Amino acid sequence: MSILKCTNLCVSISNKSVCEQLNLTVEPGEVWGILGRNGVGKTTLLHTLAGLRKPDSGEIYIDQKNINDLRRKDIAKKVGLLLQQGEESFPSSVIDTVLTGRHPHIDNWSWESKKDLEIAQHALDVVQMSEMANRSIDQLSGGERQRVAIASLIAQSPALYLLDEPNSHLDLKHQMQLLNHFSNLAKNNNTSTIMTLHDIKLAQQYCTKIILIFGNGKALTGDTKEILNEETLSELYQYPLHKIDTEFGPMFISK
C-alpha cells in the first residue's frame, strides 16, 4: 500500500511550471531524491506534497485518502516536513523544541507524557545533541540548529519524511549520519523519505528512486540507476556531464 500517491499533478510558481501531469507512487521502504537546478521549484514541489500549498490541478493521496479531506493534524501524523533553516521566532530550550514534534500525537489541551519525553530524548541521541538538551536554541550554531530540527522531525515519527536540503549546514560526519539514519528507517521500519539534494553522488548512494525537475514543467521519475545517466543529467543541469566508472560505482563529472 502506497504512503503517497499523486495523479496528474500540476504545480507552478510565479507563472513558471514546476511539473505537469506528474504521476508518482511512493511505497514504504523507498527513499526518493529530487534533483534540479536552483530555482526550478524543488522546494515548491515538496511543500505541495506536504499539503502546505495547493497544486494547480491533480490529486494527492496520503494512505489512500485525498489530502484535501484530511485535517492538518492527521496529515502531520503521517507526513513530517523538514523546512530549510530560518530564524527562530522566539528562544526555547532544545528539548522543548524537539518536543514540538510530538504535538500531532497529543490530544488537545494535554501535556506531553513521559513516553513523549523519552521519544524526544531518543531523537536527540540520534543527532548527538543530548548534552545540549537544556541549552537555548538561540545559543546554537547553524549546524546545531539543523540537527535540532531533524531531531524534532524524528520525534514526530511520521511514515513519510519530506526533507528540504537536509544536509544543509552540516559537516561531513553529521551529513552521513543523517542520511544513514533515514536510509535505515526506510529499510528497517518501512518508512519512506523524499528529499531535495544537490549532490548527485549522495542521490546515487542513498536514493532508490529519483525525481528530476527540469524547470520547464518536465519531470522524470524512476529507479535511480535508470534515471541518472549522462543524457538526463546533462539536460537537467544544462551542462555536459560525463560518466566514469570507479570502484565505488559510477560518478558524473563535467566535461
C-alpha atoms as a PDB file:
ATOM      1  CA  MET A   1       0.000   0.000   0.000  1.00  0.00           C
ATOM      2  CA  SER A   2       1.434   3.379  -1.010  1.00  0.00           C
ATOM      3  CA  ILE A   3       2.060   6.066   1.586  1.00  0.00           C
ATOM      4  CA  LEU A   4       1.879   8.848  -1.032  1.00  0.00           C
ATOM      5  CA  LYS A   5       0.319   8.957  -4.468  1.00  0.00           C
ATOM      6  CA  CYS A   6      -0.010  11.833  -6.937  1.00  0.00           C
ATOM      7  CA  THR A   7      -2.129  11.719 -10.066  1.00  0.00           C
ATOM      8  CA  ASN A   8      -1.810  14.239 -12.913  1.00  0.00           C
ATOM      9  CA  LEU A   9      -0.195  16.763 -10.559  1.00  0.00           C
ATOM     10  CA  CYS A  10       0.452  20.216 -11.996  1.00  0.00           C
ATOM     11  CA  VAL A  11       2.414  22.716  -9.893  1.00  0.00           C
ATOM     12  CA  SER A  12       3.625  26.201 -10.777  1.00  0.00           C
ATOM     13  CA  ILE A  13       5.080  29.228  -9.033  1.00  0.00           C
ATOM     14  CA  SER A  14       5.244  32.804 -10.342  1.00  0.00           C
ATOM     15  CA  ASN A  15       3.807  31.633 -13.686  1.00  0.00           C
ATOM     16  CA  LYS A  16       6.639  29.097 -14.059  1.00  0.00           C
ATOM     17  CA  SER A  17       5.726  25.441 -14.346  1.00  0.00           C
ATOM     18  CA  VAL A  18       7.382  23.129 -11.829  1.00  0.00           C
ATOM     19  CA  CYS A  19       5.746  19.923 -13.061  1.00  0.00           C
ATOM     20  CA  GLU A  20       2.943  18.976 -15.414  1.00  0.00           C
ATOM     21  CA  GLN A  21       0.849  15.820 -15.165  1.00  0.00           C
ATOM     22  CA  LEU A  22       3.200  14.277 -12.612  1.00  0.00           C
ATOM     23  CA  ASN A  23       2.208  10.769 -11.537  1.00  0.00           C
ATOM     24  CA  LEU A  24       4.033   9.460  -8.505  1.00  0.00           C
ATOM     25  CA  THR A  25       3.633   6.499  -6.157  1.00  0.00           C
ATOM     26  CA  VAL A  26       5.799   6.261  -3.042  1.00  0.00           C
ATOM     27  CA  GLU A  27       5.864   2.897  -1.308  1.00  0.00           C
ATOM     28  CA  PRO A  28       7.053   2.077   2.232  1.00  0.00           C
ATOM     29  CA  GLY A  29      10.794   1.417   2.320  1.00  0.00           C
ATOM     30  CA  GLU A  30      11.643   3.776  -0.536  1.00  0.00           C
ATOM     31  CA  VAL A  31      13.982   6.770  -0.456  1.00  0.00           C
ATOM     32  CA  TRP A  32      13.346   9.336  -3.189  1.00  0.00           C
ATOM     33  CA  GLY A  33      15.669  12.136  -4.212  1.00  0.00           C
ATOM     34  CA  ILE A  34      14.619  15.329  -6.007  1.00  0.00           C
ATOM     35  CA  LEU A  35      17.336  16.826  -8.202  1.00  0.00           C
ATOM     36  CA  GLY A  36      17.316  20.012 -10.272  1.00  0.00           C
ATOM     37  CA  ARG A  37      18.967  23.373 -10.724  1.00  0.00           C
ATOM     38  CA  ASN A  38      18.468  26.163  -8.204  1.00  0.00           C
ATOM     39  CA  GLY A  39      15.144  27.919  -8.622  1.00  0.00           C
ATOM     40  CA  VAL A  40      13.331  25.205 -10.583  1.00  0.00           C
ATOM     41  CA  GLY A  41      10.818  24.567  -7.787  1.00  0.00           C
ATOM     42  CA  LYS A  42      12.120  21.591  -5.797  1.00  0.00           C
ATOM     43  CA  THR A  43      11.040  23.199  -2.512  1.00  0.00           C
ATOM     44  CA  THR A  44       7.692  24.213  -4.013  1.00  0.00           C
ATOM     45  CA  LEU A  45       7.016  20.627  -5.042  1.00  0.00           C
ATOM     46  CA  LEU A  46       7.960  19.352  -1.575  1.00  0.00           C
ATOM     47  CA  HIS A  47       5.639  21.884   0.108  1.00  0.00           C
ATOM     48  CA  THR A  48       2.834  20.842  -2.234  1.00  0.00           C
ATOM     49  CA  LEU A  49       3.299  17.182  -1.348  1.00  0.00           C
ATOM     50  CA  ALA A  50       3.136  18.167   2.330  1.00  0.00           C
ATOM     51  CA  GLY A  51      -0.190  19.915   1.793  1.00  0.00           C
ATOM     52  CA  LEU A  52       1.177  23.405   2.585  1.00  0.00           C
ATOM     53  CA  ARG A  53       0.152  24.759  -0.814  1.00  0.00           C
ATOM     54  CA  LYS A  54      -2.427  23.625  -3.328  1.00  0.00           C
ATOM     55  CA  PRO A  55      -1.428  22.320  -6.760  1.00  0.00           C
ATOM     56  CA  ASP A  56      -2.804  23.933  -9.891  1.00  0.00           C
ATOM     57  CA  SER A  57      -4.528  20.641 -10.629  1.00  0.00           C
ATOM     58  CA  GLY A  58      -4.266  16.958  -9.863  1.00  0.00           C
ATOM     59  CA  GLU A  59      -4.708  14.953  -6.698  1.00  0.00           C
ATOM     60  CA  ILE A  60      -2.513  13.943  -3.762  1.00  0.00           C
ATOM     61  CA  TYR A  61      -3.334  10.928  -1.606  1.00  0.00           C
ATOM     62  CA  ILE A  62      -1.880  10.027   1.797  1.00  0.00           C
ATOM     63  CA  ASP A  63      -2.553   6.412   2.769  1.00  0.00           C
ATOM     64  CA  GLN A  64      -5.172   6.205   0.017  1.00  0.00           C
ATOM     65  CA  LYS A  65      -7.022   9.275   1.351  1.00  0.00           C
ATOM     66  CA  ASN A  66      -7.262  12.554  -0.554  1.00  0.00           C
ATOM     67  CA  ILE A  67      -5.124  15.116   1.239  1.00  0.00           C
ATOM     68  CA  ASN A  68      -7.931  17.672   0.867  1.00  0.00           C
ATOM     69  CA  ASP A  69     -10.140  15.507   3.085  1.00  0.00           C
ATOM     70  CA  LEU A  70      -7.607  15.268   5.919  1.00  0.00           C
ATOM     71  CA  ARG A  71      -7.179  17.602   8.867  1.00  0.00           C
ATOM     72  CA  ARG A  72      -3.787  19.230   9.233  1.00  0.00           C
ATOM     73  CA  LYS A  73      -3.166  17.250  12.424  1.00  0.00           C
ATOM     74  CA  ASP A  74      -3.988  13.990  10.656  1.00  0.00           C
ATOM     75  CA  ILE A  75      -1.538  14.839   7.882  1.00  0.00           C
ATOM     76  CA  ALA A  76       1.150  15.628  10.474  1.00  0.00           C
ATOM     77  CA  LYS A  77       0.755  12.174  11.985  1.00  0.00           C
ATOM     78  CA  LYS A  78       1.669  10.672   8.622  1.00  0.00           C
ATOM     79  CA  VAL A  79       3.922  13.264   6.986  1.00  0.00           C
ATOM     80  CA  GLY A  80       6.838  15.162   8.504  1.00  0.00           C
ATOM     81  CA  LEU A  81       8.470  18.110   6.729  1.00  0.00           C
ATOM     82  CA  LEU A  82      11.967  19.456   7.323  1.00  0.00           C
ATOM     83  CA  LEU A  83      11.983  23.078   6.157  1.00  0.00           C
ATOM     84  CA  GLN A  84      15.039  24.976   5.037  1.00  0.00           C
ATOM     85  CA  GLN A  85      16.538  26.616   8.076  1.00  0.00           C
ATOM     86  CA  GLY A  86      15.227  30.048   9.104  1.00  0.00           C
ATOM     87  CA  GLU A  87      15.499  32.285  12.126  1.00  0.00           C
ATOM     88  CA  GLU A  88      13.790  31.183  15.341  1.00  0.00           C
ATOM     89  CA  SER A  89      10.849  33.416  16.234  1.00  0.00           C
ATOM     90  CA  PHE A  90      11.424  33.031  19.976  1.00  0.00           C
ATOM     91  CA  PRO A  91      14.027  31.337  22.172  1.00  0.00           C
ATOM     92  CA  SER A  92      13.235  27.976  23.729  1.00  0.00           C
ATOM     93  CA  SER A  93      15.262  25.065  25.037  1.00  0.00           C
ATOM     94  CA  VAL A  94      16.491  22.332  22.735  1.00  0.00           C
ATOM     95  CA  ILE A  95      14.361  19.650  24.399  1.00  0.00           C
ATOM     96  CA  ASP A  96      11.220  21.820  24.272  1.00  0.00           C
ATOM     97  CA  THR A  97      11.824  22.434  20.585  1.00  0.00           C
ATOM     98  CA  VAL A  98      12.193  18.717  19.878  1.00  0.00           C
ATOM     99  CA  LEU A  99       9.015  18.005  21.854  1.00  0.00           C
ATOM    100  CA  THR A 100       7.035  20.090  19.350  1.00  0.00           C
ATOM    101  CA  GLY A 101       7.442  17.113  17.050  1.00  0.00           C
ATOM    102  CA  ARG A 102       5.147  15.162  19.355  1.00  0.00           C
ATOM    103  CA  HIS A 103       2.256  17.660  19.134  1.00  0.00           C
ATOM    104  CA  PRO A 104       0.366  15.825  16.341  1.00  0.00           C
ATOM    105  CA  HIS A 105       0.143  12.792  18.636  1.00  0.00           C
ATOM    106  CA  ILE A 106      -1.038  14.672  21.751  1.00  0.00           C
ATOM    107  CA  ASP A 107      -4.712  15.366  22.454  1.00  0.00           C
ATOM    108  CA  ASN A 108      -5.831  18.984  22.625  1.00  0.00           C
ATOM    109  CA  TRP A 109      -5.215  20.633  25.989  1.00  0.00           C
ATOM    110  CA  SER A 110      -2.987  17.753  27.088  1.00  0.00           C
ATOM    111  CA  TRP A 111       0.651  17.833  28.179  1.00  0.00           C
ATOM    112  CA  GLU A 112       3.499  15.727  26.874  1.00  0.00           C
ATOM    113  CA  SER A 113       3.706  12.333  28.549  1.00  0.00           C
ATOM    114  CA  LYS A 114       6.745  10.507  29.889  1.00  0.00           C
ATOM    115  CA  LYS A 115       6.738   8.473  26.678  1.00  0.00           C
ATOM    116  CA  ASP A 116       6.790  11.670  24.585  1.00  0.00           C
ATOM    117  CA  LEU A 117       9.790  12.894  26.555  1.00  0.00           C
ATOM    118  CA  GLU A 118      11.576   9.574  26.062  1.00  0.00           C
ATOM    119  CA  ILE A 119      10.931   9.738  22.309  1.00  0.00           C
ATOM    120  CA  ALA A 120      12.292  13.305  22.179  1.00  0.00           C
ATOM    121  CA  GLN A 121      15.375  12.330  24.169  1.00  0.00           C
ATOM    122  CA  HIS A 122      15.999   9.392  21.841  1.00  0.00           C
ATOM    123  CA  ALA A 123      15.740  11.742  18.853  1.00  0.00           C
ATOM    124  CA  LEU A 124      18.405  13.961  20.430  1.00  0.00           C
ATOM    125  CA  ASP A 125      20.581  10.875  20.884  1.00  0.00           C
ATOM    126  CA  VAL A 126      20.236  10.116  17.175  1.00  0.00           C
ATOM    127  CA  VAL A 127      21.578  13.558  16.195  1.00  0.00           C
ATOM    128  CA  GLN A 128      24.137  13.564  19.025  1.00  0.00           C
ATOM    129  CA  MET A 129      22.660  16.592  20.794  1.00  0.00           C
ATOM    130  CA  SER A 130      21.661  15.077  24.140  1.00  0.00           C
ATOM    131  CA  GLU A 131      24.231  17.067  26.068  1.00  0.00           C
ATOM    132  CA  MET A 132      22.634  20.281  24.790  1.00  0.00           C
ATOM    133  CA  ALA A 133      19.049  19.383  25.760  1.00  0.00           C
ATOM    134  CA  ASN A 134      18.645  22.303  28.171  1.00  0.00           C
ATOM    135  CA  ARG A 135      20.523  24.872  26.128  1.00  0.00           C
ATOM    136  CA  SER A 136      18.613  27.705  24.460  1.00  0.00           C
ATOM    137  CA  ILE A 137      18.122  27.431  20.717  1.00  0.00           C
ATOM    138  CA  ASP A 138      19.483  30.941  20.175  1.00  0.00           C
ATOM    139  CA  GLN A 139      22.829  29.821  21.602  1.00  0.00           C
ATOM    140  CA  LEU A 140      23.366  27.191  18.892  1.00  0.00           C
ATOM    141  CA  SER A 141      25.288  27.315  15.635  1.00  0.00           C
ATOM    142  CA  GLY A 142      23.554  26.861  12.284  1.00  0.00           C
ATOM    143  CA  GLY A 143      24.584  23.213  12.084  1.00  0.00           C
ATOM    144  CA  GLU A 144      23.388  22.531  15.626  1.00  0.00           C
ATOM    145  CA  ARG A 145      20.021  24.141  14.869  1.00  0.00           C
ATOM    146  CA  GLN A 146      19.700  21.944  11.813  1.00  0.00           C
ATOM    147  CA  ARG A 147      20.316  18.860  13.940  1.00  0.00           C
ATOM    148  CA  VAL A 148      17.661  20.008  16.442  1.00  0.00           C
ATOM    149  CA  ALA A 149      15.177  20.481  13.598  1.00  0.00           C
ATOM    150  CA  ILE A 150      15.971  16.964  12.389  1.00  0.00           C
ATOM    151  CA  ALA A 151      15.528  15.614  15.930  1.00  0.00           C
ATOM    152  CA  SER A 152      12.099  17.261  16.131  1.00  0.00           C
ATOM    153  CA  LEU A 153      11.149  15.557  12.876  1.00  0.00           C
ATOM    154  CA  ILE A 154      12.415  12.192  14.119  1.00  0.00           C
ATOM    155  CA  ALA A 155      10.360  12.655  17.301  1.00  0.00           C
ATOM    156  CA  GLN A 156       7.287  13.262  15.146  1.00  0.00           C
ATOM    157  CA  SER A 157       7.624   9.646  13.910  1.00  0.00           C
ATOM    158  CA  PRO A 158       5.781  10.017  10.590  1.00  0.00           C
ATOM    159  CA  ALA A 159       5.510   7.338   7.933  1.00  0.00           C
ATOM    160  CA  LEU A 160       6.783   9.764   5.274  1.00  0.00           C
ATOM    161  CA  TYR A 161       9.671  12.200   5.747  1.00  0.00           C
ATOM    162  CA  LEU A 162       9.927  15.186   3.389  1.00  0.00           C
ATOM    163  CA  LEU A 163      13.393  16.698   3.737  1.00  0.00           C
ATOM    164  CA  ASP A 164      14.320  20.009   2.121  1.00  0.00           C
ATOM    165  CA  GLU A 165      18.109  20.080   1.748  1.00  0.00           C
ATOM    166  CA  PRO A 166      18.610  18.002   4.913  1.00  0.00           C
ATOM    167  CA  ASN A 167      22.426  18.148   4.792  1.00  0.00           C
ATOM    168  CA  SER A 168      22.465  21.955   4.718  1.00  0.00           C
ATOM    169  CA  HIS A 169      24.758  23.488   7.381  1.00  0.00           C
ATOM    170  CA  LEU A 170      26.011  20.043   8.433  1.00  0.00           C
ATOM    171  CA  ASP A 171      29.614  18.881   8.378  1.00  0.00           C
ATOM    172  CA  LEU A 172      30.501  15.658   6.575  1.00  0.00           C
ATOM    173  CA  LYS A 173      30.183  13.418   9.647  1.00  0.00           C
ATOM    174  CA  HIS A 174      26.672  14.584  10.504  1.00  0.00           C
ATOM    175  CA  GLN A 175      25.586  14.555   6.858  1.00  0.00           C
ATOM    176  CA  MET A 176      26.448  10.886   6.562  1.00  0.00           C
ATOM    177  CA  GLN A 177      24.940  10.003   9.949  1.00  0.00           C
ATOM    178  CA  LEU A 178      21.704  11.754   8.966  1.00  0.00           C
ATOM    179  CA  LEU A 179      21.398  10.068   5.577  1.00  0.00           C
ATOM    180  CA  ASN A 180      22.313   6.691   7.051  1.00  0.00           C
ATOM    181  CA  HIS A 181      19.608   7.130   9.692  1.00  0.00           C
ATOM    182  CA  PHE A 182      16.807   7.828   7.222  1.00  0.00           C
ATOM    183  CA  SER A 183      18.056   5.069   4.921  1.00  0.00           C
ATOM    184  CA  ASN A 184      17.966   2.608   7.821  1.00  0.00           C
ATOM    185  CA  LEU A 185      14.500   3.797   8.856  1.00  0.00           C
ATOM    186  CA  ALA A 186      13.265   3.007   5.352  1.00  0.00           C
ATOM    187  CA  LYS A 187      14.874  -0.451   5.355  1.00  0.00           C
ATOM    188  CA  ASN A 188      14.012  -1.486   8.903  1.00  0.00           C
ATOM    189  CA  ASN A 189      10.855   0.482   9.786  1.00  0.00           C
ATOM    190  CA  ASN A 190       9.151   0.682   6.366  1.00  0.00           C
ATOM    191  CA  THR A 191       9.128   4.476   6.401  1.00  0.00           C
ATOM    192  CA  SER A 192       9.572   6.491   3.202  1.00  0.00           C
ATOM    193  CA  THR A 193      11.637   9.591   2.503  1.00  0.00           C
ATOM    194  CA  ILE A 194      11.594  12.236  -0.225  1.00  0.00           C
ATOM    195  CA  MET A 195      14.468  14.723  -0.079  1.00  0.00           C
ATOM    196  CA  THR A 196      15.835  17.527  -2.197  1.00  0.00           C
ATOM    197  CA  LEU A 197      19.547  17.203  -2.878  1.00  0.00           C
ATOM    198  CA  HIS A 198      22.293  18.978  -4.794  1.00  0.00           C
ATOM    199  CA  ASP A 199      24.858  16.181  -4.695  1.00  0.00           C
ATOM    200  CA  ILE A 200      24.429  13.577  -7.440  1.00  0.00           C
ATOM    201  CA  LYS A 201      26.706  11.119  -5.657  1.00  0.00           C
ATOM    202  CA  LEU A 202      24.602  11.242  -2.471  1.00  0.00           C
ATOM    203  CA  ALA A 203      21.491  10.653  -4.561  1.00  0.00           C
ATOM    204  CA  GLN A 204      23.142   7.611  -6.133  1.00  0.00           C
ATOM    205  CA  GLN A 205      24.247   6.313  -2.764  1.00  0.00           C
ATOM    206  CA  TYR A 206      21.061   6.754  -0.740  1.00  0.00           C
ATOM    207  CA  CYS A 207      18.077   7.076  -3.078  1.00  0.00           C
ATOM    208  CA  THR A 208      16.235   4.113  -4.524  1.00  0.00           C
ATOM    209  CA  LYS A 209      14.110   6.408  -6.702  1.00  0.00           C
ATOM    210  CA  ILE A 210      14.663   9.809  -8.322  1.00  0.00           C
ATOM    211  CA  ILE A 211      12.572  12.792  -9.437  1.00  0.00           C
ATOM    212  CA  LEU A 212      14.285  15.123 -11.902  1.00  0.00           C
ATOM    213  CA  ILE A 213      12.794  18.636 -12.168  1.00  0.00           C
ATOM    214  CA  PHE A 214      13.903  20.456 -15.321  1.00  0.00           C
ATOM    215  CA  GLY A 215      12.344  23.886 -14.739  1.00  0.00           C
ATOM    216  CA  ASN A 216      10.004  23.883 -17.738  1.00  0.00           C
ATOM    217  CA  GLY A 217       7.286  21.582 -16.429  1.00  0.00           C
ATOM    218  CA  LYS A 218       9.126  18.445 -17.423  1.00  0.00           C
ATOM    219  CA  ALA A 219       9.795  15.861 -14.729  1.00  0.00           C
ATOM    220  CA  LEU A 220      11.271  12.371 -14.907  1.00  0.00           C
ATOM    221  CA  THR A 221      10.767   9.728 -12.238  1.00  0.00           C
ATOM    222  CA  GLY A 222      12.032   6.206 -11.813  1.00  0.00           C
ATOM    223  CA  ASP A 223      14.727   3.937 -10.456  1.00  0.00           C
ATOM    224  CA  THR A 224      17.930   5.763  -9.621  1.00  0.00           C
ATOM    225  CA  LYS A 225      20.188   3.596 -11.801  1.00  0.00           C
ATOM    226  CA  GLU A 226      17.928   4.083 -14.818  1.00  0.00           C
ATOM    227  CA  ILE A 227      17.221   7.799 -14.426  1.00  0.00           C
ATOM    228  CA  LEU A 228      20.723   9.075 -13.609  1.00  0.00           C
ATOM    229  CA  ASN A 229      22.719   8.950 -16.820  1.00  0.00           C
ATOM    230  CA  GLU A 230      24.809  11.298 -18.966  1.00  0.00           C
ATOM    231  CA  GLU A 231      21.902  12.370 -21.167  1.00  0.00           C
ATOM    232  CA  THR A 232      19.357  13.180 -18.472  1.00  0.00           C
ATOM    233  CA  LEU A 233      21.824  14.859 -16.105  1.00  0.00           C
ATOM    234  CA  SER A 234      23.386  16.969 -18.862  1.00  0.00           C
ATOM    235  CA  GLU A 235      19.901  18.171 -19.800  1.00  0.00           C
ATOM    236  CA  LEU A 236      18.947  18.682 -16.158  1.00  0.00           C
ATOM    237  CA  TYR A 237      21.914  20.887 -15.281  1.00  0.00           C
ATOM    238  CA  GLN A 238      22.297  22.375 -18.777  1.00  0.00           C
ATOM    239  CA  TYR A 239      25.949  21.431 -18.801  1.00  0.00           C
ATOM    240  CA  PRO A 240      27.663  18.374 -20.323  1.00  0.00           C
ATOM    241  CA  LEU A 241      28.416  15.647 -17.789  1.00  0.00           C
ATOM    242  CA  HIS A 242      30.475  12.527 -18.391  1.00  0.00           C
ATOM    243  CA  LYS A 243      30.101   9.200 -16.605  1.00  0.00           C
ATOM    244  CA  ILE A 244      33.182   7.453 -15.261  1.00  0.00           C
ATOM    245  CA  ASP A 245      33.185   4.065 -13.547  1.00  0.00           C
ATOM    246  CA  THR A 246      35.057   3.752 -10.256  1.00  0.00           C
ATOM    247  CA  GLU A 247      35.476   1.019  -7.664  1.00  0.00           C
ATOM    248  CA  PHE A 248      32.817   2.864  -5.641  1.00  0.00           C
ATOM    249  CA  GLY A 249      30.348   2.977  -8.502  1.00  0.00           C
ATOM    250  CA  PRO A 250      29.668   5.414 -11.358  1.00  0.00           C
ATOM    251  CA  MET A 251      30.435   9.119 -10.997  1.00  0.00           C
ATOM    252  CA  PHE A 252      29.422  12.067 -13.173  1.00  0.00           C
ATOM    253  CA  ILE A 253      31.951  14.811 -13.848  1.00  0.00           C
ATOM    254  CA  SER A 254      31.876  17.909 -16.043  1.00  0.00           C
ATOM    255  CA  LYS A 255      33.442  17.569 -19.477  1.00  0.00           C
END
